Amino acid sequence: MTFLVALVALGILLGTVSCTSFPVFLAAAGAITAWLLVFSVRERLAHHRHR
């Protein structure tokens, strides 16, 4: 099921890429990557504190 959700998300992402300019896509990808990194670090710190 997770694989199917990932495929749908990839399809939406690739569809969006074809409709926007490359610099806009890079900016959005960078923002999403930064948000995911911040989220993962916060989750690790929170999980590490509760041990």
N, C-alpha and C. Protein backbone atom coordinates (compact mmCIF):
# COMPACT_ATOMS: atom_id res chain seq x y z
N MET A 1 0.82 -1.20 0.00
CA MET A 1 0.00 0.00 0.00
C MET A 1 0.88 1.27 0.00
N THR A 2 1.93 1.25 0.81
CA THR A 2 2.83 2.40 0.86
C THR A 2 3.49 2.62 -0.50
N PHE A 3 3.81 1.53 -1.17
CA PHE A 3 4.42 1.65 -2.50
C PHE A 3 3.47 2.33 -3.47
N LEU A 4 2.18 2.01 -3.40
CA LEU A 4 1.20 2.64 -4.29
C LEU A 4 1.07 4.13 -3.99
N VAL A 5 1.08 4.48 -2.72
CA VAL A 5 1.00 5.90 -2.36
C VAL A 5 2.24 6.64 -2.87
N ALA A 6 3.41 6.00 -2.76
CA ALA A 6 4.64 6.62 -3.27
C ALA A 6 4.57 6.80 -4.79
N LEU A 7 4.02 5.83 -5.49
CA LEU A 7 3.88 5.96 -6.94
C LEU A 7 2.93 7.10 -7.32
N VAL A 8 1.84 7.23 -6.60
CA VAL A 8 0.90 8.32 -6.87
C VAL A 8 1.56 9.67 -6.59
N ALA A 9 2.29 9.77 -5.47
CA ALA A 9 2.98 11.01 -5.14
C ALA A 9 4.03 11.35 -6.20
N LEU A 10 4.75 10.34 -6.69
CA LEU A 10 5.74 10.57 -7.73
C LEU A 10 5.07 11.04 -9.02
N GLY A 11 3.94 10.47 -9.34
CA GLY A 11 3.20 10.90 -10.53
C GLY A 11 2.74 12.34 -10.44
N ILE A 12 2.25 12.72 -9.26
CA ILE A 12 1.82 14.11 -9.06
C ILE A 12 3.01 15.05 -9.16
N LEU A 13 4.13 14.65 -8.56
CA LEU A 13 5.34 15.48 -8.61
C LEU A 13 5.83 15.65 -10.04
N LEU A 14 5.88 14.58 -10.80
CA LEU A 14 6.34 14.68 -12.18
C LEU A 14 5.38 15.48 -13.05
N GLY A 15 4.10 15.37 -12.77
CA GLY A 15 3.12 16.17 -13.49
C GLY A 15 3.29 17.66 -13.20
N THR A 16 3.60 17.98 -11.96
CA THR A 16 3.82 19.37 -11.58
C THR A 16 5.08 19.91 -12.22
N VAL A 17 6.11 19.09 -12.29
CA VAL A 17 7.37 19.51 -12.91
C VAL A 17 7.16 19.91 -14.36
N SER A 18 6.33 19.16 -15.06
CA SER A 18 6.12 19.45 -16.48
C SER A 18 5.35 20.75 -16.70
N CYS A 19 4.66 21.25 -15.66
CA CYS A 19 3.86 22.47 -15.81
C CYS A 19 4.56 23.72 -15.29
N THR A 20 5.67 23.55 -14.57
CA THR A 20 6.37 24.72 -14.02
C THR A 20 7.74 24.83 -14.65
N SER A 21 8.36 25.97 -14.41
CA SER A 21 9.72 26.15 -14.91
C SER A 21 10.70 25.42 -13.99
N PHE A 22 11.87 25.12 -14.50
CA PHE A 22 12.85 24.37 -13.74
C PHE A 22 13.32 25.10 -12.48
N PRO A 23 13.59 26.42 -12.52
CA PRO A 23 13.99 27.11 -11.28
C PRO A 23 12.90 27.07 -10.19
N VAL A 24 11.65 27.15 -10.60
CA VAL A 24 10.55 27.07 -9.62
C VAL A 24 10.53 25.67 -9.00
N PHE A 25 10.72 24.65 -9.81
CA PHE A 25 10.76 23.29 -9.30
C PHE A 25 11.93 23.10 -8.33
N LEU A 26 13.10 23.64 -8.68
CA LEU A 26 14.26 23.51 -7.79
C LEU A 26 14.03 24.22 -6.46
N ALA A 27 13.42 25.38 -6.50
CA ALA A 27 13.14 26.12 -5.27
C ALA A 27 12.15 25.34 -4.40
N ALA A 28 11.13 24.79 -5.00
CA ALA A 28 10.14 24.01 -4.25
C ALA A 28 10.77 22.73 -3.69
N ALA A 29 11.59 22.08 -4.50
CA ALA A 29 12.26 20.86 -4.04
C ALA A 29 13.21 21.17 -2.88
N GLY A 30 13.91 22.28 -2.96
CA GLY A 30 14.80 22.68 -1.87
C GLY A 30 14.04 22.98 -0.59
N ALA A 31 12.91 23.66 -0.72
CA ALA A 31 12.09 23.97 0.45
C ALA A 31 11.54 22.70 1.10
N ILE A 32 11.08 21.77 0.29
CA ILE A 32 10.56 20.51 0.81
C ILE A 32 11.66 19.71 1.48
N THR A 33 12.83 19.68 0.86
CA THR A 33 13.97 18.95 1.44
C THR A 33 14.37 19.55 2.78
N ALA A 34 14.43 20.87 2.85
CA ALA A 34 14.79 21.53 4.11
C ALA A 34 13.76 21.22 5.18
N TRP A 35 12.48 21.27 4.83
CA TRP A 35 11.43 20.98 5.80
C TRP A 35 11.53 19.54 6.30
N LEU A 36 11.79 18.60 5.40
CA LEU A 36 11.92 17.21 5.81
C LEU A 36 13.12 17.00 6.71
N LEU A 37 14.24 17.66 6.42
CA LEU A 37 15.42 17.55 7.28
C LEU A 37 15.14 18.11 8.67
N VAL A 38 14.52 19.28 8.74
CA VAL A 38 14.19 19.87 10.04
C VAL A 38 13.23 18.97 10.80
N PHE A 39 12.24 18.44 10.12
CA PHE A 39 11.26 17.56 10.77
C PHE A 39 11.94 16.30 11.31
N SER A 40 12.83 15.70 10.52
CA SER A 40 13.47 14.46 10.97
C SER A 40 14.40 14.72 12.15
N VAL A 41 15.11 15.85 12.15
CA VAL A 41 15.98 16.17 13.28
C VAL A 41 15.15 16.41 14.53
N ARG A 42 14.05 17.13 14.41
CA ARG A 42 13.19 17.38 15.58
C ARG A 42 12.61 16.08 16.11
N GLU A 43 12.19 15.19 15.24
CA GLU A 43 11.64 13.91 15.68
C GLU A 43 12.70 13.06 16.38
N ARG A 44 13.91 13.05 15.84
CA ARG A 44 14.99 12.29 16.48
C ARG A 44 15.30 12.84 17.87
N LEU A 45 15.37 14.16 17.98
CA LEU A 45 15.66 14.77 19.28
C LEU A 45 14.55 14.50 20.28
N ALA A 46 13.30 14.58 19.83
CA ALA A 46 12.17 14.31 20.72
C ALA A 46 12.16 12.84 21.13
N HIS A 47 12.44 11.96 20.21
CA HIS A 47 12.46 10.53 20.53
C HIS A 47 13.63 10.20 21.45
N HIS A 48 14.74 10.85 21.23
CA HIS A 48 15.93 10.58 22.05
C HIS A 48 15.71 11.07 23.49
N ARG A 49 14.98 12.17 23.67
CA ARG A 49 14.72 12.72 24.99
C ARG A 49 13.80 11.81 25.82
N HIS A 50 12.90 11.09 25.16
CA HIS A 50 11.92 10.26 25.88
C HIS A 50 12.46 8.89 26.25
N ARG A 51 13.67 8.58 25.88
CA ARG A 51 14.24 7.27 26.24
C ARG A 51 14.62 7.22 27.68
